[in-house]
N, C-alpha and C. Protein backbone atom coordinates (compact mmCIF):
# COMPACT_ATOMS: atom_id res chain seq x y z
N MET A 1 0.82 -1.21 0.14
CA MET A 1 0.11 0.03 0.17
C MET A 1 0.78 1.17 -0.06
N ASN A 2 0.67 1.91 -0.96
CA ASN A 2 1.57 3.36 -0.86
C ASN A 2 0.72 4.52 -0.51
N ALA A 3 1.12 5.64 -0.59
CA ALA A 3 0.20 6.80 -0.31
C ALA A 3 -0.76 7.37 -1.09
N SER A 4 -0.25 6.96 -2.37
CA SER A 4 -1.37 7.28 -3.28
C SER A 4 -2.77 6.22 -3.31
N ALA A 5 -2.48 5.20 -2.61
CA ALA A 5 -3.74 4.14 -2.72
C ALA A 5 -4.67 4.48 -1.72
N PRO A 6 -6.16 3.76 -1.90
CA PRO A 6 -6.90 4.33 -1.09
C PRO A 6 -6.96 3.74 0.20
N CYS A 7 -7.55 4.09 1.10
CA CYS A 7 -7.73 3.17 2.62
C CYS A 7 -8.55 2.05 2.23
N ARG A 8 -8.22 1.14 3.20
CA ARG A 8 -8.69 -0.37 2.54
C ARG A 8 -9.91 -0.55 3.32
N GLN A 9 -10.10 0.03 4.29
CA GLN A 9 -11.61 -0.06 5.27
C GLN A 9 -12.08 0.99 4.97
N CYS A 10 -11.93 2.33 4.40
CA CYS A 10 -13.09 3.13 4.29
C CYS A 10 -13.09 3.77 2.60
N GLY A 11 -11.81 3.32 2.06
CA GLY A 11 -11.87 3.88 0.76
C GLY A 11 -11.55 5.45 0.41
N CYS A 12 -11.18 5.88 1.47
CA CYS A 12 -10.46 7.45 1.56
C CYS A 12 -9.28 7.42 0.69
N GLU A 13 -9.10 8.72 -0.01
CA GLU A 13 -8.26 8.88 -1.04
C GLU A 13 -6.94 9.44 -0.45
N TYR A 14 -7.26 9.94 0.74
CA TYR A 14 -6.26 11.10 1.73
C TYR A 14 -5.02 10.27 2.19
N THR A 15 -4.69 9.05 2.03
CA THR A 15 -4.03 8.22 2.95
C THR A 15 -2.58 9.08 2.83
N TYR A 16 -1.73 8.93 3.91
CA TYR A 16 -0.32 9.55 4.07
C TYR A 16 0.72 8.48 4.88
N GLU A 17 2.01 8.81 4.73
CA GLU A 17 2.88 7.68 5.10
C GLU A 17 3.13 8.67 6.46
N ASP A 18 3.35 7.67 7.67
CA ASP A 18 4.07 8.45 8.91
C ASP A 18 4.85 7.59 9.48
N GLY A 19 6.35 7.52 9.11
CA GLY A 19 7.07 6.93 9.54
C GLY A 19 7.18 5.57 8.63
N ASN A 20 6.83 4.61 9.39
CA ASN A 20 6.98 3.44 8.65
C ASN A 20 5.13 2.79 8.07
N LEU A 21 4.26 3.68 8.62
CA LEU A 21 3.01 3.35 8.55
C LEU A 21 2.44 4.33 7.54
N VAL A 22 1.16 3.61 6.87
CA VAL A 22 0.68 4.42 5.97
C VAL A 22 -0.97 4.38 6.73
N VAL A 23 -1.30 5.88 7.05
CA VAL A 23 -2.48 6.10 7.77
C VAL A 23 -3.56 6.71 7.01
N CYS A 24 -5.05 6.55 7.29
CA CYS A 24 -5.95 7.03 6.75
C CYS A 24 -6.61 8.10 7.75
N PRO A 25 -6.48 9.23 7.26
CA PRO A 25 -7.12 10.53 8.10
C PRO A 25 -8.60 10.58 8.57
N GLU A 26 -9.47 9.72 7.62
CA GLU A 26 -10.96 9.86 7.80
C GLU A 26 -11.50 8.61 9.30
N CYS A 27 -10.87 7.56 9.13
CA CYS A 27 -11.10 6.37 9.91
C CYS A 27 -10.00 6.13 10.77
N GLY A 28 -8.81 6.43 10.80
CA GLY A 28 -7.51 6.16 11.46
C GLY A 28 -7.11 4.88 11.32
N HIS A 29 -7.28 4.00 10.23
CA HIS A 29 -6.93 2.83 9.99
C HIS A 29 -5.34 3.02 9.74
N GLU A 30 -4.51 2.37 10.17
CA GLU A 30 -2.96 2.22 10.20
C GLU A 30 -2.53 0.98 9.52
N GLN A 31 -1.77 0.96 8.52
CA GLN A 31 -1.31 -0.39 7.91
C GLN A 31 0.35 -0.09 7.87
N VAL A 32 1.32 -0.91 8.18
CA VAL A 32 2.74 -0.93 7.99
C VAL A 32 2.77 -1.08 6.35
N ALA A 33 3.59 -0.02 5.85
CA ALA A 33 3.92 0.59 4.65
C ALA A 33 4.78 -0.80 4.31
N GLY A 34 4.11 -1.26 2.77
CA GLY A 34 5.02 -2.77 2.53
C GLY A 34 4.56 -4.03 2.97
N GLU A 35 3.66 -3.73 3.84
CA GLU A 35 3.22 -5.53 4.44
C GLU A 35 2.46 -5.99 3.68
N VAL A 36 1.38 -5.07 2.63
CA VAL A 36 0.67 -5.71 1.65
C VAL A 36 0.53 -4.75 0.60
N ALA A 37 1.21 -5.24 -0.48
CA ALA A 37 1.07 -4.30 -1.55
C ALA A 37 0.09 -4.80 -2.36
N GLU A 38 -0.65 -3.95 -3.29
CA GLU A 38 -1.68 -3.74 -4.07
C GLU A 38 -1.13 -3.94 -5.45
N ILE A 39 -1.44 -5.30 -6.29
CA ILE A 39 -1.12 -5.05 -7.40
C ILE A 39 -2.20 -5.32 -8.53
N ALA A 40 -2.42 -4.80 -9.70
CA ALA A 40 -3.78 -4.69 -10.54
C ALA A 40 -4.92 -4.56 -10.02
N GLY A 41 -5.40 -3.82 -9.24
CA GLY A 41 -6.52 -3.54 -8.35
C GLY A 41 -6.85 -4.43 -7.43
N GLU A 42 -7.49 -5.75 -7.66
CA GLU A 42 -7.89 -6.69 -6.54
C GLU A 42 -6.86 -7.64 -5.75
N GLU A 43 -5.90 -7.90 -6.67
CA GLU A 43 -5.02 -8.71 -6.47
C GLU A 43 -3.89 -8.34 -5.68
N THR A 44 -3.47 -8.95 -4.39
CA THR A 44 -2.54 -8.48 -3.33
C THR A 44 -1.58 -9.29 -3.06
N VAL A 45 -0.35 -8.75 -2.78
CA VAL A 45 1.02 -9.75 -2.36
C VAL A 45 1.08 -9.47 -0.97
N VAL A 46 1.56 -10.26 -0.42
CA VAL A 46 1.91 -10.33 1.07
C VAL A 46 3.42 -10.60 1.14
N VAL A 47 4.35 -9.86 1.83
CA VAL A 47 5.59 -9.64 1.96
C VAL A 47 5.83 -9.92 3.49
N ASP A 48 7.33 -10.48 3.66
CA ASP A 48 7.71 -10.82 4.83
C ASP A 48 8.32 -9.70 5.56
N ALA A 49 8.98 -9.73 6.55
CA ALA A 49 9.65 -8.29 7.45
C ALA A 49 10.85 -7.97 6.60
N ASN A 50 11.20 -9.08 5.92
CA ASN A 50 12.39 -8.32 4.73
C ASN A 50 11.96 -7.99 3.40
N GLY A 51 10.67 -7.85 2.96
CA GLY A 51 10.53 -7.53 1.90
C GLY A 51 10.23 -8.55 0.72
N ASN A 52 10.42 -10.08 1.09
CA ASN A 52 10.41 -10.88 0.28
C ASN A 52 8.97 -11.19 0.12
N VAL A 53 8.71 -11.74 -1.05
CA VAL A 53 6.98 -11.92 -1.48
C VAL A 53 6.71 -13.64 -0.97
N LEU A 54 5.96 -13.72 -0.17
CA LEU A 54 5.39 -15.00 0.20
C LEU A 54 4.44 -15.48 -0.68
N GLY A 55 4.35 -16.84 -0.60
CA GLY A 55 2.92 -17.54 -1.57
C GLY A 55 2.72 -19.14 -0.43
N ASP A 56 1.44 -19.29 -1.08
CA ASP A 56 1.03 -20.64 -0.42
C ASP A 56 1.92 -21.71 -0.39
N GLY A 57 2.33 -22.33 0.37
CA GLY A 57 3.02 -23.71 0.55
C GLY A 57 4.43 -23.09 0.98
N ASP A 58 4.85 -21.56 1.20
CA ASP A 58 6.57 -21.48 1.50
C ASP A 58 6.43 -21.81 2.96
N ALA A 59 8.02 -22.12 3.36
CA ALA A 59 8.25 -22.04 4.79
C ALA A 59 8.94 -20.74 5.33
N VAL A 60 8.53 -20.49 6.38
CA VAL A 60 8.94 -18.98 7.06
C VAL A 60 9.56 -19.55 8.50
N ILE A 61 10.05 -18.54 8.88
CA ILE A 61 10.96 -18.48 10.40
C ILE A 61 10.58 -17.12 10.98
N VAL A 62 9.70 -17.40 12.36
CA VAL A 62 9.46 -16.61 13.26
C VAL A 62 10.57 -15.71 13.89
N ILE A 63 10.54 -14.37 13.55
CA ILE A 63 11.69 -13.40 13.90
C ILE A 63 11.31 -12.85 15.45
N LYS A 64 10.53 -13.22 16.03
CA LYS A 64 10.48 -12.52 17.20
C LYS A 64 9.53 -13.28 18.08
N ASP A 65 9.76 -13.71 19.63
CA ASP A 65 8.84 -14.52 20.19
C ASP A 65 7.45 -13.68 20.33
N LEU A 66 6.58 -15.07 19.96
CA LEU A 66 5.20 -14.51 19.75
C LEU A 66 4.22 -15.17 21.19
N LYS A 67 3.67 -14.44 21.88
CA LYS A 67 2.82 -15.22 22.96
C LYS A 67 1.40 -15.88 22.02
N VAL A 68 0.87 -16.73 22.27
CA VAL A 68 -0.06 -17.43 21.89
C VAL A 68 -0.98 -16.80 22.95
N LYS A 69 -2.40 -16.15 22.46
CA LYS A 69 -3.66 -15.78 23.07
C LYS A 69 -4.41 -16.74 23.62
N GLY A 70 -4.64 -16.86 25.06
CA GLY A 70 -5.40 -17.64 25.44
C GLY A 70 -4.71 -18.74 26.25
N SER A 71 -3.23 -18.62 26.13
CA SER A 71 -2.42 -19.89 26.27
C SER A 71 -1.14 -19.42 27.16
N SER A 72 -0.17 -20.34 27.89
CA SER A 72 0.80 -19.70 28.24
C SER A 72 1.76 -20.25 27.18
N SER A 73 1.51 -20.55 26.02
CA SER A 73 2.65 -20.84 25.34
C SER A 73 3.20 -19.75 24.67
N VAL A 74 4.49 -20.10 24.16
CA VAL A 74 5.01 -19.00 23.61
C VAL A 74 5.53 -19.57 22.21
N VAL A 75 5.50 -18.97 21.23
CA VAL A 75 6.10 -19.48 19.58
C VAL A 75 7.48 -18.55 19.74
N LYS A 76 8.76 -19.36 19.58
CA LYS A 76 10.35 -18.96 19.85
C LYS A 76 10.47 -18.47 18.61
N VAL A 77 11.64 -17.54 18.80
CA VAL A 77 12.27 -16.78 17.76
C VAL A 77 13.24 -18.07 17.20
N GLY A 78 13.13 -17.89 15.73
CA GLY A 78 13.82 -19.16 14.77
C GLY A 78 12.79 -20.51 14.50
N THR A 79 11.48 -20.41 15.01
CA THR A 79 10.68 -21.57 14.89
C THR A 79 10.23 -21.54 13.41
N LYS A 80 10.74 -22.91 12.46
CA LYS A 80 10.25 -23.00 11.33
C LYS A 80 8.85 -23.43 11.00
N VAL A 81 8.27 -22.63 10.33
CA VAL A 81 6.55 -23.39 9.83
C VAL A 81 6.65 -23.24 8.54
N ARG A 82 6.09 -24.35 8.08
CA ARG A 82 6.18 -24.97 7.00
C ARG A 82 4.79 -25.16 6.26
N ASN A 83 4.54 -25.11 5.14
CA ASN A 83 3.32 -25.19 4.39
C ASN A 83 2.54 -23.91 4.68
N ILE A 84 2.94 -22.48 5.07
CA ILE A 84 1.91 -21.82 5.05
C ILE A 84 0.86 -21.61 4.15
N ARG A 85 -0.13 -20.65 4.31
CA ARG A 85 -1.67 -20.31 3.29
C ARG A 85 -1.73 -19.23 3.81
N LEU A 86 -1.59 -18.16 2.75
CA LEU A 86 -2.00 -16.97 2.83
C LEU A 86 -3.36 -16.69 2.93
N VAL A 87 -4.06 -15.86 3.76
CA VAL A 87 -5.50 -15.39 4.08
C VAL A 87 -5.83 -14.04 3.77
N GLU A 88 -7.23 -13.63 3.68
CA GLU A 88 -7.12 -12.04 3.81
C GLU A 88 -7.55 -11.72 5.66
N GLY A 89 -6.97 -10.52 5.70
CA GLY A 89 -6.85 -9.99 7.21
C GLY A 89 -5.80 -9.63 7.56
N ASP A 90 -5.93 -9.01 8.79
CA ASP A 90 -4.82 -8.56 9.57
C ASP A 90 -3.75 -9.62 9.59
N HIS A 91 -4.12 -10.93 10.29
CA HIS A 91 -3.33 -12.06 10.44
C HIS A 91 -3.54 -12.94 9.03
N ASN A 92 -2.43 -12.22 8.18
CA ASN A 92 -2.58 -13.01 6.80
C ASN A 92 -1.83 -14.15 6.47
N ILE A 93 -1.38 -14.91 7.77
CA ILE A 93 -0.55 -16.05 7.66
C ILE A 93 -1.52 -17.61 8.21
N ASP A 94 -1.87 -18.18 7.82
CA ASP A 94 -2.54 -19.35 8.40
C ASP A 94 -1.59 -20.71 8.26
N CYS A 95 -1.42 -21.52 9.61
CA CYS A 95 -0.24 -22.35 9.56
C CYS A 95 -0.38 -23.35 10.60
N LYS A 96 0.11 -23.98 10.70
CA LYS A 96 0.03 -25.16 11.84
C LYS A 96 1.66 -25.43 12.12
N ILE A 97 1.67 -24.97 13.55
CA ILE A 97 2.88 -24.75 14.35
C ILE A 97 3.24 -25.95 15.13
N GLU A 98 4.20 -26.96 14.94
CA GLU A 98 4.62 -27.91 15.81
C GLU A 98 4.24 -28.05 17.52
N GLY A 99 3.63 -28.69 18.07
CA GLY A 99 3.49 -28.52 19.58
C GLY A 99 2.76 -27.36 19.75
N ILE A 100 2.02 -26.83 19.22
CA ILE A 100 1.09 -25.64 19.19
C ILE A 100 -0.39 -25.85 18.83
N GLY A 101 -0.20 -25.87 17.40
CA GLY A 101 -1.37 -26.55 16.59
C GLY A 101 -1.48 -25.42 15.79
N ALA A 102 -3.20 -25.35 15.37
CA ALA A 102 -3.20 -24.20 14.15
C ALA A 102 -3.42 -22.68 14.66
N MET A 103 -2.82 -22.24 14.08
CA MET A 103 -2.76 -20.64 14.38
C MET A 103 -2.67 -19.68 13.28
N LYS A 104 -2.81 -18.32 13.75
CA LYS A 104 -2.44 -17.02 12.42
C LYS A 104 -1.33 -16.11 12.70
N LEU A 105 -0.63 -16.01 11.63
CA LEU A 105 0.47 -14.96 12.24
C LEU A 105 0.15 -13.97 11.14
N LYS A 106 0.84 -12.56 11.60
CA LYS A 106 1.27 -11.50 10.81
C LYS A 106 2.39 -11.72 9.91
N SER A 107 2.44 -11.52 8.57
CA SER A 107 3.63 -11.36 7.98
C SER A 107 4.49 -10.58 8.58
N GLU A 108 4.72 -9.52 9.23
CA GLU A 108 5.55 -8.99 9.78
C GLU A 108 6.38 -9.31 10.82
N PHE A 109 6.17 -10.48 11.38
CA PHE A 109 6.62 -11.25 12.35
C PHE A 109 7.59 -12.46 11.94
N VAL A 110 7.79 -12.50 10.32
CA VAL A 110 8.18 -13.87 10.08
C VAL A 110 9.26 -13.44 8.58
N ARG A 111 10.33 -14.33 8.45
CA ARG A 111 11.18 -14.00 7.27
C ARG A 111 10.74 -15.47 6.68
N LYS A 112 11.23 -14.96 5.15
CA LYS A 112 11.06 -16.03 4.15
C LYS A 112 12.04 -17.38 4.66
N ALA A 113 12.18 -18.56 4.52
CA ALA A 113 13.16 -19.17 5.16
C ALA A 113 13.79 -19.77 3.68
């Protein structure tokens, strides 16, 4: 998403960049710049923390300790997640992590393996 792209939530044309975020002045929606880029209108591309394009079936490595909501478990740095599936939404990676189970991750917390 760049500054000239409309807001994904309300469609406002007046988005602007604030540091590493793209902000909508009307609804207040914020998104990490470069996290999800628009290509050819409806089609979206998901990128990891380093800017590499991710696809279904890729393997990724977690780059930050992540607490599992509703549990005392933690996904540790360096955990390799295989066979990811890309989905729409804020948490755009659907996967199964060994020892924890099915969960959704944000692409900003992983890098391509």
